[in-house]
Amino acid sequence: MNDQQSTKGVAMRPQTTDGVAMRPPTYRSVDPCGYDMPDGMPHLSKGRKQCTAITAAVVLVIALVIACIVDSYHKINEGYVGIYFRHGAIQERVSAPGVHLMRPFIDDYVEVKIRPETHRMD
């Protein structure tokens, strides 16, 4: 068996091309959290921090857009009309049954029944 190969369950030390065994990494650098890191380990460089910040900003913007769409979409059921309020003040806008959009986080609506109800007294 070749000495560079490992037997089953027994790992051999990695060797360089000249046959000299490599030394384990030395701990010289310290990451931002205060842990010793081997020289071969990647650190959060300035470019990586910028990439992380940009990714976080994009995710935040996408979440905000989805929240606006979800908040603005509403459905008025058949037999009702939609009455709209802006910051608590009633608006002149009245919508018919169906799917509608409104200004997110600014407008609210209430469904008002318009079908007459008949009550019989027996």
PDB file of N, CA and C in Angstrom:
ATOM      1  N   MET A   1       0.853  -1.178   0.000  1.00  0.00           N
ATOM      2  CA  MET A   1       0.000   0.000   0.000  1.00  0.00           C
ATOM      3  C   MET A   1       0.894   1.235   0.000  1.00  0.00           C
ATOM      4  N   ASN A   2       0.497   2.260  -0.731  1.00  0.00           N
ATOM      5  CA  ASN A   2       1.255   3.512  -0.827  1.00  0.00           C
ATOM      6  C   ASN A   2       1.094   4.305   0.462  1.00  0.00           C
ATOM      7  N   ASP A   3       2.201   4.960   0.961  1.00  0.00           N
ATOM      8  CA  ASP A   3       2.048   5.671   2.214  1.00  0.00           C
ATOM      9  C   ASP A   3       1.273   6.968   2.096  1.00  0.00           C
ATOM     10  N   GLN A   4       0.980   7.433   0.918  1.00  0.00           N
ATOM     11  CA  GLN A   4       0.168   8.646   0.784  1.00  0.00           C
ATOM     12  C   GLN A   4      -1.321   8.316   0.874  1.00  0.00           C
ATOM     13  N   GLN A   5      -1.664   7.062   0.659  1.00  0.00           N
ATOM     14  CA  GLN A   5      -3.066   6.671   0.758  1.00  0.00           C
ATOM     15  C   GLN A   5      -3.405   6.366   2.205  1.00  0.00           C
ATOM     16  N   SER A   6      -4.663   6.445   2.532  1.00  0.00           N
ATOM     17  CA  SER A   6      -5.073   6.121   3.896  1.00  0.00           C
ATOM     18  C   SER A   6      -5.782   4.784   3.889  1.00  0.00           C
ATOM     19  N   THR A   7      -5.549   4.034   4.939  1.00  0.00           N
ATOM     20  CA  THR A   7      -6.269   2.783   5.075  1.00  0.00           C
ATOM     21  C   THR A   7      -7.633   3.082   5.657  1.00  0.00           C
ATOM     22  N   LYS A   8      -8.490   2.104   5.600  1.00  0.00           N
ATOM     23  CA  LYS A   8      -9.854   2.315   6.083  1.00  0.00           C
ATOM     24  C   LYS A   8      -9.833   2.608   7.581  1.00  0.00           C
ATOM     25  N   GLY A   9     -10.339   3.788   7.967  1.00  0.00           N
ATOM     26  CA  GLY A   9     -10.428   4.170   9.361  1.00  0.00           C
ATOM     27  C   GLY A   9      -9.181   4.853   9.894  1.00  0.00           C
ATOM     28  N   VAL A  10      -8.080   4.851   9.137  1.00  0.00           N
ATOM     29  CA  VAL A  10      -6.855   5.491   9.595  1.00  0.00           C
ATOM     30  C   VAL A  10      -6.468   6.538   8.567  1.00  0.00           C
ATOM     31  N   ALA A  11      -6.421   7.783   8.981  1.00  0.00           N
ATOM     32  CA  ALA A  11      -6.091   8.862   8.057  1.00  0.00           C
ATOM     33  C   ALA A  11      -4.606   9.160   8.148  1.00  0.00           C
ATOM     34  N   MET A  12      -3.975   9.353   7.011  1.00  0.00           N
ATOM     35  CA  MET A  12      -2.563   9.696   6.961  1.00  0.00           C
ATOM     36  C   MET A  12      -2.426  11.209   6.936  1.00  0.00           C
ATOM     37  N   ARG A  13      -1.284  11.719   7.376  1.00  0.00           N
ATOM     38  CA  ARG A  13      -1.040  13.158   7.354  1.00  0.00           C
ATOM     39  C   ARG A  13      -0.877  13.625   5.925  1.00  0.00           C
ATOM     40  N   PRO A  14      -1.458  14.771   5.560  1.00  0.00           N
ATOM     41  CA  PRO A  14      -1.285  15.271   4.197  1.00  0.00           C
ATOM     42  C   PRO A  14       0.178  15.641   3.967  1.00  0.00           C
ATOM     43  N   GLN A  15       0.652  15.385   2.754  1.00  0.00           N
ATOM     44  CA  GLN A  15       2.035  15.674   2.428  1.00  0.00           C
ATOM     45  C   GLN A  15       2.104  16.613   1.245  1.00  0.00           C
ATOM     46  N   THR A  16       3.181  17.382   1.184  1.00  0.00           N
ATOM     47  CA  THR A  16       3.417  18.263   0.050  1.00  0.00           C
ATOM     48  C   THR A  16       4.064  17.465  -1.055  1.00  0.00           C
ATOM     49  N   THR A  17       4.365  18.115  -2.156  1.00  0.00           N
ATOM     50  CA  THR A  17       4.945  17.418  -3.304  1.00  0.00           C
ATOM     51  C   THR A  17       6.341  16.888  -3.014  1.00  0.00           C
ATOM     52  N   ASP A  18       7.069  17.527  -2.121  1.00  0.00           N
ATOM     53  CA  ASP A  18       8.424  17.039  -1.833  1.00  0.00           C
ATOM     54  C   ASP A  18       8.432  15.961  -0.748  1.00  0.00           C
ATOM     55  N   GLY A  19       7.260  15.529  -0.267  1.00  0.00           N
ATOM     56  CA  GLY A  19       7.182  14.441   0.686  1.00  0.00           C
ATOM     57  C   GLY A  19       7.272  14.851   2.134  1.00  0.00           C
ATOM     58  N   VAL A  20       7.376  16.145   2.442  1.00  0.00           N
ATOM     59  CA  VAL A  20       7.464  16.622   3.817  1.00  0.00           C
ATOM     60  C   VAL A  20       6.054  16.845   4.343  1.00  0.00           C
ATOM     61  N   ALA A  21       5.801  16.367   5.546  1.00  0.00           N
ATOM     62  CA  ALA A  21       4.460  16.511   6.137  1.00  0.00           C
ATOM     63  C   ALA A  21       4.175  17.977   6.421  1.00  0.00           C
ATOM     64  N   MET A  22       2.911  18.377   6.171  1.00  0.00           N
ATOM     65  CA  MET A  22       2.501  19.754   6.428  1.00  0.00           C
ATOM     66  C   MET A  22       2.241  19.938   7.919  1.00  0.00           C
ATOM     67  N   ARG A  23       2.545  21.128   8.434  1.00  0.00           N
ATOM     68  CA  ARG A  23       2.254  21.441   9.827  1.00  0.00           C
ATOM     69  C   ARG A  23       0.812  21.897   9.967  1.00  0.00           C
ATOM     70  N   PRO A  24       0.206  21.694  11.128  1.00  0.00           N
ATOM     71  CA  PRO A  24      -1.158  22.215  11.323  1.00  0.00           C
ATOM     72  C   PRO A  24      -1.127  23.737  11.267  1.00  0.00           C
ATOM     73  N   PRO A  25      -2.261  24.369  10.930  1.00  0.00           N
ATOM     74  CA  PRO A  25      -2.284  25.830  10.817  1.00  0.00           C
ATOM     75  C   PRO A  25      -1.981  26.491  12.159  1.00  0.00           C
ATOM     76  N   THR A  26      -1.308  27.613  12.074  1.00  0.00           N
ATOM     77  CA  THR A  26      -1.013  28.371  13.288  1.00  0.00           C
ATOM     78  C   THR A  26      -2.124  29.377  13.521  1.00  0.00           C
ATOM     79  N   TYR A  27      -2.373  29.702  14.792  1.00  0.00           N
ATOM     80  CA  TYR A  27      -3.437  30.626  15.146  1.00  0.00           C
ATOM     81  C   TYR A  27      -2.820  31.994  15.420  1.00  0.00           C
ATOM     82  N   ARG A  28      -2.877  32.857  14.415  1.00  0.00           N
ATOM     83  CA  ARG A  28      -2.292  34.182  14.561  1.00  0.00           C
ATOM     84  C   ARG A  28      -3.323  35.304  14.495  1.00  0.00           C
ATOM     85  N   SER A  29      -4.385  35.090  13.763  1.00  0.00           N
ATOM     86  CA  SER A  29      -5.355  36.170  13.583  1.00  0.00           C
ATOM     87  C   SER A  29      -6.541  35.978  14.521  1.00  0.00           C
ATOM     88  N   VAL A  30      -7.233  37.064  14.788  1.00  0.00           N
ATOM     89  CA  VAL A  30      -8.406  37.052  15.662  1.00  0.00           C
ATOM     90  C   VAL A  30      -9.568  37.646  14.882  1.00  0.00           C
ATOM     91  N   ASP A  31     -10.694  36.944  14.854  1.00  0.00           N
ATOM     92  CA  ASP A  31     -11.867  37.473  14.147  1.00  0.00           C
ATOM     93  C   ASP A  31     -12.565  38.519  15.020  1.00  0.00           C
ATOM     94  N   PRO A  32     -13.596  39.232  14.483  1.00  0.00           N
ATOM     95  CA  PRO A  32     -14.262  40.303  15.239  1.00  0.00           C
ATOM     96  C   PRO A  32     -14.883  39.845  16.553  1.00  0.00           C
ATOM     97  N   CYS A  33     -15.214  38.557  16.679  1.00  0.00           N
ATOM     98  CA  CYS A  33     -15.819  38.065  17.915  1.00  0.00           C
ATOM     99  C   CYS A  33     -14.776  37.729  18.970  1.00  0.00           C
ATOM    100  N   GLY A  34     -13.496  37.760  18.600  1.00  0.00           N
ATOM    101  CA  GLY A  34     -12.442  37.496  19.562  1.00  0.00           C
ATOM    102  C   GLY A  34     -11.920  36.077  19.530  1.00  0.00           C
ATOM    103  N   TYR A  35     -12.367  35.235  18.582  1.00  0.00           N
ATOM    104  CA  TYR A  35     -11.891  33.863  18.496  1.00  0.00           C
ATOM    105  C   TYR A  35     -10.639  33.797  17.638  1.00  0.00           C
ATOM    106  N   ASP A  36      -9.693  32.952  18.024  1.00  0.00           N
ATOM    107  CA  ASP A  36      -8.505  32.734  17.201  1.00  0.00           C
ATOM    108  C   ASP A  36      -8.910  31.939  15.972  1.00  0.00           C
ATOM    109  N   MET A  37      -8.460  32.385  14.826  1.00  0.00           N
ATOM    110  CA  MET A  37      -8.779  31.725  13.568  1.00  0.00           C
ATOM    111  C   MET A  37      -7.480  31.288  12.902  1.00  0.00           C
ATOM    112  N   PRO A  38      -7.445  30.108  12.272  1.00  0.00           N
ATOM    113  CA  PRO A  38      -6.255  29.712  11.539  1.00  0.00           C
ATOM    114  C   PRO A  38      -6.048  30.626  10.343  1.00  0.00           C
ATOM    115  N   ASP A  39      -4.806  30.735   9.899  1.00  0.00           N
ATOM    116  CA  ASP A  39      -4.499  31.627   8.778  1.00  0.00           C
ATOM    117  C   ASP A  39      -5.253  31.265   7.509  1.00  0.00           C
ATOM    118  N   GLY A  40      -5.539  30.007   7.302  1.00  0.00           N
ATOM    119  CA  GLY A  40      -6.207  29.582   6.084  1.00  0.00           C
ATOM    120  C   GLY A  40      -7.700  29.843   6.070  1.00  0.00           C
ATOM    121  N   MET A  41      -8.294  30.255   7.172  1.00  0.00           N
ATOM    122  CA  MET A  41      -9.740  30.453   7.253  1.00  0.00           C
ATOM    123  C   MET A  41     -10.116  31.812   6.670  1.00  0.00           C
ATOM    124  N   PRO A  42     -11.201  31.874   5.902  1.00  0.00           N
ATOM    125  CA  PRO A  42     -11.621  33.163   5.349  1.00  0.00           C
ATOM    126  C   PRO A  42     -12.214  34.059   6.433  1.00  0.00           C
ATOM    127  N   HIS A  43     -11.941  35.326   6.337  1.00  0.00           N
ATOM    128  CA  HIS A  43     -12.489  36.310   7.273  1.00  0.00           C
ATOM    129  C   HIS A  43     -13.548  37.132   6.554  1.00  0.00           C
ATOM    130  N   LEU A  44     -14.373  37.816   7.309  1.00  0.00           N
ATOM    131  CA  LEU A  44     -15.331  38.729   6.697  1.00  0.00           C
ATOM    132  C   LEU A  44     -14.567  39.955   6.233  1.00  0.00           C
ATOM    133  N   SER A  45     -14.294  39.993   4.958  1.00  0.00           N
ATOM    134  CA  SER A  45     -13.569  41.130   4.414  1.00  0.00           C
ATOM    135  C   SER A  45     -14.537  42.276   4.174  1.00  0.00           C
ATOM    136  N   LYS A  46     -13.993  43.397   3.771  1.00  0.00           N
ATOM    137  CA  LYS A  46     -14.820  44.581   3.514  1.00  0.00           C
ATOM    138  C   LYS A  46     -15.826  44.290   2.402  1.00  0.00           C
ATOM    139  N   GLY A  47     -15.384  43.605   1.356  1.00  0.00           N
ATOM    140  CA  GLY A  47     -16.280  43.262   0.247  1.00  0.00           C
ATOM    141  C   GLY A  47     -17.391  42.328   0.674  1.00  0.00           C
ATOM    142  N   ARG A  48     -17.066  41.384   1.539  1.00  0.00           N
ATOM    143  CA  ARG A  48     -18.069  40.431   2.014  1.00  0.00           C
ATOM    144  C   ARG A  48     -19.088  41.129   2.914  1.00  0.00           C
ATOM    145  N   LYS A  49     -18.631  42.081   3.726  1.00  0.00           N
ATOM    146  CA  LYS A  49     -19.554  42.843   4.576  1.00  0.00           C
ATOM    147  C   LYS A  49     -20.491  43.683   3.723  1.00  0.00           C
ATOM    148  N   GLN A  50     -19.951  44.280   2.643  1.00  0.00           N
ATOM    149  CA  GLN A  50     -20.803  45.073   1.749  1.00  0.00           C
ATOM    150  C   GLN A  50     -21.837  44.189   1.072  1.00  0.00           C
ATOM    151  N   CYS A  51     -21.413  43.005   0.653  1.00  0.00           N
ATOM    152  CA  CYS A  51     -22.336  42.077   0.008  1.00  0.00           C
ATOM    153  C   CYS A  51     -23.445  41.667   0.972  1.00  0.00           C
ATOM    154  N   THR A  52     -23.088  41.415   2.229  1.00  0.00           N
ATOM    155  CA  THR A  52     -24.080  41.052   3.239  1.00  0.00           C
ATOM    156  C   THR A  52     -25.051  42.203   3.490  1.00  0.00           C
ATOM    157  N   ALA A  53     -24.537  43.423   3.552  1.00  0.00           N
ATOM    158  CA  ALA A  53     -25.390  44.593   3.769  1.00  0.00           C
ATOM    159  C   ALA A  53     -26.333  44.816   2.591  1.00  0.00           C
ATOM    160  N   ILE A  54     -25.828  44.664   1.380  1.00  0.00           N
ATOM    161  CA  ILE A  54     -26.667  44.850   0.188  1.00  0.00           C
ATOM    162  C   ILE A  54     -27.741  43.773   0.135  1.00  0.00           C
ATOM    163  N   THR A  55     -27.383  42.536   0.442  1.00  0.00           N
ATOM    164  CA  THR A  55     -28.361  41.447   0.451  1.00  0.00           C
ATOM    165  C   THR A  55     -29.451  41.703   1.485  1.00  0.00           C
ATOM    166  N   ALA A  56     -29.070  42.159   2.670  1.00  0.00           N
ATOM    167  CA  ALA A  56     -30.053  42.466   3.714  1.00  0.00           C
ATOM    168  C   ALA A  56     -30.972  43.594   3.264  1.00  0.00           C
ATOM    169  N   ALA A  57     -30.429  44.613   2.607  1.00  0.00           N
ATOM    170  CA  ALA A  57     -31.250  45.731   2.126  1.00  0.00           C
ATOM    171  C   ALA A  57     -32.236  45.269   1.057  1.00  0.00           C
ATOM    172  N   VAL A  58     -31.790  44.416   0.152  1.00  0.00           N
ATOM    173  CA  VAL A  58     -32.674  43.914  -0.911  1.00  0.00           C
ATOM    174  C   VAL A  58     -33.800  43.079  -0.309  1.00  0.00           C
ATOM    175  N   VAL A  59     -33.470  42.220   0.643  1.00  0.00           N
ATOM    176  CA  VAL A  59     -34.497  41.397   1.294  1.00  0.00           C
ATOM    177  C   VAL A  59     -35.509  42.284   2.025  1.00  0.00           C
ATOM    178  N   LEU A  60     -35.029  43.326   2.685  1.00  0.00           N
ATOM    179  CA  LEU A  60     -35.915  44.249   3.386  1.00  0.00           C
ATOM    180  C   LEU A  60     -36.848  44.978   2.422  1.00  0.00           C
ATOM    181  N   VAL A  61     -36.322  45.421   1.288  1.00  0.00           N
ATOM    182  CA  VAL A  61     -37.150  46.118   0.293  1.00  0.00           C
ATOM    183  C   VAL A  61     -38.198  45.169  -0.282  1.00  0.00           C
ATOM    184  N   ILE A  62     -37.804  43.933  -0.586  1.00  0.00           N
ATOM    185  CA  ILE A  62     -38.760  42.958  -1.119  1.00  0.00           C
ATOM    186  C   ILE A  62     -39.852  42.672  -0.096  1.00  0.00           C
ATOM    187  N   ALA A  63     -39.493  42.532   1.173  1.00  0.00           N
ATOM    188  CA  ALA A  63     -40.490  42.289   2.218  1.00  0.00           C
ATOM    189  C   ALA A  63     -41.445  43.475   2.345  1.00  0.00           C
ATOM    190  N   LEU A  64     -40.936  44.694   2.225  1.00  0.00           N
ATOM    191  CA  LEU A  64     -41.779  45.885   2.306  1.00  0.00           C
ATOM    192  C   LEU A  64     -42.745  45.954   1.123  1.00  0.00           C
ATOM    193  N   VAL A  65     -42.273  45.623  -0.069  1.00  0.00           N
ATOM    194  CA  VAL A  65     -43.145  45.629  -1.253  1.00  0.00           C
ATOM    195  C   VAL A  65     -44.246  44.577  -1.093  1.00  0.00           C
ATOM    196  N   ILE A  66     -43.902  43.396  -0.621  1.00  0.00           N
ATOM    197  CA  ILE A  66     -44.911  42.356  -0.418  1.00  0.00           C
ATOM    198  C   ILE A  66     -45.926  42.790   0.639  1.00  0.00           C
ATOM    199  N   ALA A  67     -45.473  43.429   1.711  1.00  0.00           N
ATOM    200  CA  ALA A  67     -46.393  43.907   2.750  1.00  0.00           C
ATOM    201  C   ALA A  67     -47.344  44.963   2.192  1.00  0.00           C
ATOM    202  N   CYS A  68     -46.858  45.840   1.332  1.00  0.00           N
ATOM    203  CA  CYS A  68     -47.720  46.869   0.731  1.00  0.00           C
ATOM    204  C   CYS A  68     -48.774  46.247  -0.171  1.00  0.00           C
ATOM    205  N   ILE A  69     -48.380  45.258  -0.956  1.00  0.00           N
ATOM    206  CA  ILE A  69     -49.343  44.613  -1.854  1.00  0.00           C
ATOM    207  C   ILE A  69     -50.396  43.861  -1.051  1.00  0.00           C
ATOM    208  N   VAL A  70     -49.970  43.145  -0.022  1.00  0.00           N
ATOM    209  CA  VAL A  70     -50.924  42.385   0.796  1.00  0.00           C
ATOM    210  C   VAL A  70     -51.883  43.328   1.514  1.00  0.00           C
ATOM    211  N   ASP A  71     -51.393  44.462   2.009  1.00  0.00           N
ATOM    212  CA  ASP A  71     -52.245  45.394   2.737  1.00  0.00           C
ATOM    213  C   ASP A  71     -53.197  46.149   1.814  1.00  0.00           C
ATOM    214  N   SER A  72     -52.822  46.356   0.552  1.00  0.00           N
ATOM    215  CA  SER A  72     -53.667  47.153  -0.335  1.00  0.00           C
ATOM    216  C   SER A  72     -54.757  46.326  -1.022  1.00  0.00           C
ATOM    217  N   TYR A  73     -54.578  45.034  -1.153  1.00  0.00           N
ATOM    218  CA  TYR A  73     -55.538  44.157  -1.820  1.00  0.00           C
ATOM    219  C   TYR A  73     -56.705  43.853  -0.881  1.00  0.00           C
ATOM    220  N   HIS A  74     -57.922  44.009  -1.384  1.00  0.00           N
ATOM    221  CA  HIS A  74     -59.091  43.632  -0.596  1.00  0.00           C
ATOM    222  C   HIS A  74     -60.246  43.261  -1.520  1.00  0.00           C
ATOM    223  N   LYS A  75     -61.206  42.543  -0.967  1.00  0.00           N
ATOM    224  CA  LYS A  75     -62.346  42.055  -1.739  1.00  0.00           C
ATOM    225  C   LYS A  75     -63.638  42.498  -1.066  1.00  0.00           C
ATOM    226  N   ILE A  76     -64.516  43.093  -1.871  1.00  0.00           N
ATOM    227  CA  ILE A  76     -65.859  43.476  -1.396  1.00  0.00           C
ATOM    228  C   ILE A  76     -66.815  42.376  -1.863  1.00  0.00           C
ATOM    229  N   ASN A  77     -67.525  41.757  -0.937  1.00  0.00           N
ATOM    230  CA  ASN A  77     -68.433  40.663  -1.262  1.00  0.00           C
ATOM    231  C   ASN A  77     -69.713  41.169  -1.925  1.00  0.00           C
ATOM    232  N   GLU A  78     -70.391  40.255  -2.620  1.00  0.00           N
ATOM    233  CA  GLU A  78     -71.653  40.580  -3.293  1.00  0.00           C
ATOM    234  C   GLU A  78     -72.700  40.949  -2.244  1.00  0.00           C
ATOM    235  N   GLY A  79     -73.476  41.998  -2.526  1.00  0.00           N
ATOM    236  CA  GLY A  79     -74.494  42.466  -1.597  1.00  0.00           C
ATOM    237  C   GLY A  79     -73.963  43.515  -0.632  1.00  0.00           C
ATOM    238  N   TYR A  80     -72.716  43.909  -0.773  1.00  0.00           N
ATOM    239  CA  TYR A  80     -72.085  44.922   0.076  1.00  0.00           C
ATOM    240  C   TYR A  80     -71.436  45.981  -0.810  1.00  0.00           C
ATOM    241  N   VAL A  81     -71.178  47.126  -0.243  1.00  0.00           N
ATOM    242  CA  VAL A  81     -70.351  48.152  -0.885  1.00  0.00           C
ATOM    243  C   VAL A  81     -69.214  48.480   0.075  1.00  0.00           C
ATOM    244  N   GLY A  82     -68.146  48.998  -0.470  1.00  0.00           N
ATOM    245  CA  GLY A  82     -67.008  49.357   0.360  1.00  0.00           C
ATOM    246  C   GLY A  82     -66.985  50.847   0.638  1.00  0.00           C
ATOM    247  N   ILE A  83     -66.920  51.231   1.879  1.00  0.00           N
ATOM    248  CA  ILE A  83     -66.796  52.626   2.305  1.00  0.00           C
ATOM    249  C   ILE A  83     -65.361  52.806   2.792  1.00  0.00           C
ATOM    250  N   TYR A  84     -64.694  53.835   2.315  1.00  0.00           N
ATOM    251  CA  TYR A  84     -63.273  54.022   2.607  1.00  0.00           C
ATOM    252  C   TYR A  84     -63.021  55.137   3.609  1.00  0.00           C
ATOM    253  N   PHE A  85     -61.990  54.941   4.407  1.00  0.00           N
ATOM    254  CA  PHE A  85     -61.559  55.919   5.399  1.00  0.00           C
ATOM    255  C   PHE A  85     -60.075  56.204   5.180  1.00  0.00           C
ATOM    256  N   ARG A  86     -59.685  57.455   5.301  1.00  0.00           N
ATOM    257  CA  ARG A  86     -58.274  57.824   5.244  1.00  0.00           C
ATOM    258  C   ARG A  86     -57.916  58.456   6.571  1.00  0.00           C
ATOM    259  N   HIS A  87     -57.043  57.806   7.306  1.00  0.00           N
ATOM    260  CA  HIS A  87     -56.635  58.257   8.642  1.00  0.00           C
ATOM    261  C   HIS A  87     -57.849  58.483   9.539  1.00  0.00           C
ATOM    262  N   GLY A  88     -58.891  57.647   9.390  1.00  0.00           N
ATOM    263  CA  GLY A  88     -60.074  57.735  10.228  1.00  0.00           C
ATOM    264  C   GLY A  88     -61.183  58.625   9.681  1.00  0.00           C
ATOM    265  N   ALA A  89     -60.894  59.437   8.657  1.00  0.00           N
ATOM    266  CA  ALA A  89     -61.915  60.328   8.080  1.00  0.00           C
ATOM    267  C   ALA A  89     -62.568  59.630   6.887  1.00  0.00           C
ATOM    268  N   ILE A  90     -63.917  59.669   6.849  1.00  0.00           N
ATOM    269  CA  ILE A  90     -64.635  59.003   5.763  1.00  0.00           C
ATOM    270  C   ILE A  90     -64.367  59.719   4.444  1.00  0.00           C
ATOM    271  N   GLN A  91     -64.242  58.944   3.368  1.00  0.00           N
ATOM    272  CA  GLN A  91     -63.992  59.478   2.034  1.00  0.00           C
ATOM    273  C   GLN A  91     -65.255  59.380   1.188  1.00  0.00           C
ATOM    274  N   GLU A  92     -65.291  60.087   0.085  1.00  0.00           N
ATOM    275  CA  GLU A  92     -66.449  60.037  -0.801  1.00  0.00           C
ATOM    276  C   GLU A  92     -66.452  58.781  -1.663  1.00  0.00           C
ATOM    277  N   ARG A  93     -65.357  58.111  -1.741  1.00  0.00           N
ATOM    278  CA  ARG A  93     -65.209  56.922  -2.583  1.00  0.00           C
ATOM    279  C   ARG A  93     -66.034  55.760  -2.026  1.00  0.00           C
ATOM    280  N   VAL A  94     -66.829  55.144  -2.895  1.00  0.00           N
ATOM    281  CA  VAL A  94     -67.608  53.950  -2.560  1.00  0.00           C
ATOM    282  C   VAL A  94     -67.341  52.943  -3.673  1.00  0.00           C
ATOM    283  N   SER A  95     -67.034  51.708  -3.302  1.00  0.00           N
ATOM    284  CA  SER A  95     -66.717  50.726  -4.334  1.00  0.00           C
ATOM    285  C   SER A  95     -67.773  49.630  -4.388  1.00  0.00           C
ATOM    286  N   ALA A  96     -67.964  49.110  -5.583  1.00  0.00           N
ATOM    287  CA  ALA A  96     -68.909  48.030  -5.831  1.00  0.00           C
ATOM    288  C   ALA A  96     -68.257  46.692  -5.457  1.00  0.00           C
ATOM    289  N   PRO A  97     -69.032  45.623  -5.445  1.00  0.00           N
ATOM    290  CA  PRO A  97     -68.448  44.313  -5.135  1.00  0.00           C
ATOM    291  C   PRO A  97     -67.351  43.936  -6.128  1.00  0.00           C
ATOM    292  N   GLY A  98     -66.352  43.235  -5.632  1.00  0.00           N
ATOM    293  CA  GLY A  98     -65.235  42.790  -6.469  1.00  0.00           C
ATOM    294  C   GLY A  98     -63.909  42.991  -5.750  1.00  0.00           C
ATOM    295  N   VAL A  99     -62.840  42.812  -6.506  1.00  0.00           N
ATOM    296  CA  VAL A  99     -61.491  42.944  -5.978  1.00  0.00           C
ATOM    297  C   VAL A  99     -61.000  44.359  -6.234  1.00  0.00           C
ATOM    298  N   HIS A 100     -60.407  44.986  -5.225  1.00  0.00           N
ATOM    299  CA  HIS A 100     -59.947  46.365  -5.331  1.00  0.00           C
ATOM    300  C   HIS A 100     -58.587  46.531  -4.653  1.00  0.00           C
ATOM    301  N   LEU A 101     -57.932  47.619  -4.995  1.00  0.00           N
ATOM    302  CA  LEU A 101     -56.683  48.002  -4.339  1.00  0.00           C
ATOM    303  C   LEU A 101     -56.867  49.374  -3.707  1.00  0.00           C
ATOM    304  N   MET A 102     -56.185  49.607  -2.611  1.00  0.00           N
ATOM    305  CA  MET A 102     -56.232  50.911  -1.950  1.00  0.00           C
ATOM    306  C   MET A 102     -54.825  51.260  -1.488  1.00  0.00           C
ATOM    307  N   ARG A 103     -54.646  52.472  -1.010  1.00  0.00           N
ATOM    308  CA  ARG A 103     -53.319  52.897  -0.537  1.00  0.00           C
ATOM    309  C   ARG A 103     -52.955  52.131   0.738  1.00  0.00           C
ATOM    310  N   PRO A 104     -51.815  51.439   0.693  1.00  0.00           N
ATOM    311  CA  PRO A 104     -51.448  50.632   1.868  1.00  0.00           C
ATOM    312  C   PRO A 104     -51.088  51.492   3.068  1.00  0.00           C
ATOM    313  N   PHE A 105     -51.503  51.052   4.241  1.00  0.00           N
ATOM    314  CA  PHE A 105     -51.200  51.671   5.535  1.00  0.00           C
ATOM    315  C   PHE A 105     -51.791  53.072   5.699  1.00  0.00           C
ATOM    316  N   ILE A 106     -52.545  53.569   4.721  1.00  0.00           N
ATOM    317  CA  ILE A 106     -53.146  54.905   4.802  1.00  0.00           C
ATOM    318  C   ILE A 106     -54.666  54.791   4.831  1.00  0.00           C
ATOM    319  N   ASP A 107     -55.213  54.023   3.881  1.00  0.00           N
ATOM    320  CA  ASP A 107     -56.663  53.874   3.769  1.00  0.00           C
ATOM    321  C   ASP A 107     -57.133  52.604   4.464  1.00  0.00           C
ATOM    322  N   ASP A 108     -58.356  52.635   4.947  1.00  0.00           N
ATOM    323  CA  ASP A 108     -59.060  51.476   5.481  1.00  0.00           C
ATOM    324  C   ASP A 108     -60.420  51.409   4.811  1.00  0.00           C
ATOM    325  N   TYR A 109     -61.070  50.267   4.909  1.00  0.00           N
ATOM    326  CA  TYR A 109     -62.408  50.155   4.335  1.00  0.00           C
ATOM    327  C   TYR A 109     -63.299  49.345   5.261  1.00  0.00           C
ATOM    328  N   VAL A 110     -64.601  49.538   5.078  1.00  0.00           N
ATOM    329  CA  VAL A 110     -65.615  48.782   5.808  1.00  0.00           C
ATOM    330  C   VAL A 110     -66.653  48.339   4.790  1.00  0.00           C
ATOM    331  N   GLU A 111     -67.069  47.090   4.885  1.00  0.00           N
ATOM    332  CA  GLU A 111     -68.140  46.599   4.013  1.00  0.00           C
ATOM    333  C   GLU A 111     -69.482  46.933   4.650  1.00  0.00           C
ATOM    334  N   VAL A 112     -70.368  47.544   3.868  1.00  0.00           N
ATOM    335  CA  VAL A 112     -71.698  47.909   4.342  1.00  0.00           C
ATOM    336  C   VAL A 112     -72.718  47.133   3.512  1.00  0.00           C
ATOM    337  N   LYS A 113     -73.626  46.439   4.206  1.00  0.00           N
ATOM    338  CA  LYS A 113     -74.638  45.633   3.519  1.00  0.00           C
ATOM    339  C   LYS A 113     -75.671  46.539   2.867  1.00  0.00           C
ATOM    340  N   ILE A 114     -75.996  46.250   1.609  1.00  0.00           N
ATOM    341  CA  ILE A 114     -76.971  47.082   0.898  1.00  0.00           C
ATOM    342  C   ILE A 114     -78.237  46.306   0.533  1.00  0.00           C
ATOM    343  N   ARG A 115     -78.295  45.035   0.784  1.00  0.00           N
ATOM    344  CA  ARG A 115     -79.491  44.239   0.496  1.00  0.00           C
ATOM    345  C   ARG A 115     -80.521  44.467   1.595  1.00  0.00           C
ATOM    346  N   PRO A 116     -81.739  44.642   1.195  1.00  0.00           N
ATOM    347  CA  PRO A 116     -82.771  44.792   2.234  1.00  0.00           C
ATOM    348  C   PRO A 116     -83.071  43.452   2.901  1.00  0.00           C
ATOM    349  N   GLU A 117     -83.361  43.513   4.182  1.00  0.00           N
ATOM    350  CA  GLU A 117     -83.735  42.320   4.926  1.00  0.00           C
ATOM    351  C   GLU A 117     -85.210  42.449   5.304  1.00  0.00           C
ATOM    352  N   THR A 118     -85.926  41.373   5.154  1.00  0.00           N
ATOM    353  CA  THR A 118     -87.345  41.344   5.509  1.00  0.00           C
ATOM    354  C   THR A 118     -87.505  40.514   6.768  1.00  0.00           C
ATOM    355  N   HIS A 119     -88.115  41.118   7.778  1.00  0.00           N
ATOM    356  CA  HIS A 119     -88.387  40.411   9.023  1.00  0.00           C
ATOM    357  C   HIS A 119     -89.894  40.235   9.126  1.00  0.00           C
ATOM    358  N   ARG A 120     -90.345  39.030   9.303  1.00  0.00           N
ATOM    359  CA  ARG A 120     -91.779  38.764   9.427  1.00  0.00           C
ATOM    360  C   ARG A 120     -92.143  38.570  10.884  1.00  0.00           C
ATOM    361  N   MET A 121     -93.250  39.101  11.222  1.00  0.00           N
ATOM    362  CA  MET A 121     -93.757  38.913  12.587  1.00  0.00           C
ATOM    363  C   MET A 121     -94.973  38.003  12.493  1.00  0.00           C
ATOM    364  N   ASP A 122     -94.881  36.855  13.008  1.00  0.00           N
ATOM    365  CA  ASP A 122     -96.002  35.894  12.947  1.00  0.00           C
ATOM    366  C   ASP A 122     -96.755  35.864  14.223  1.00  0.00           C
TER     367      ASP A 122
END
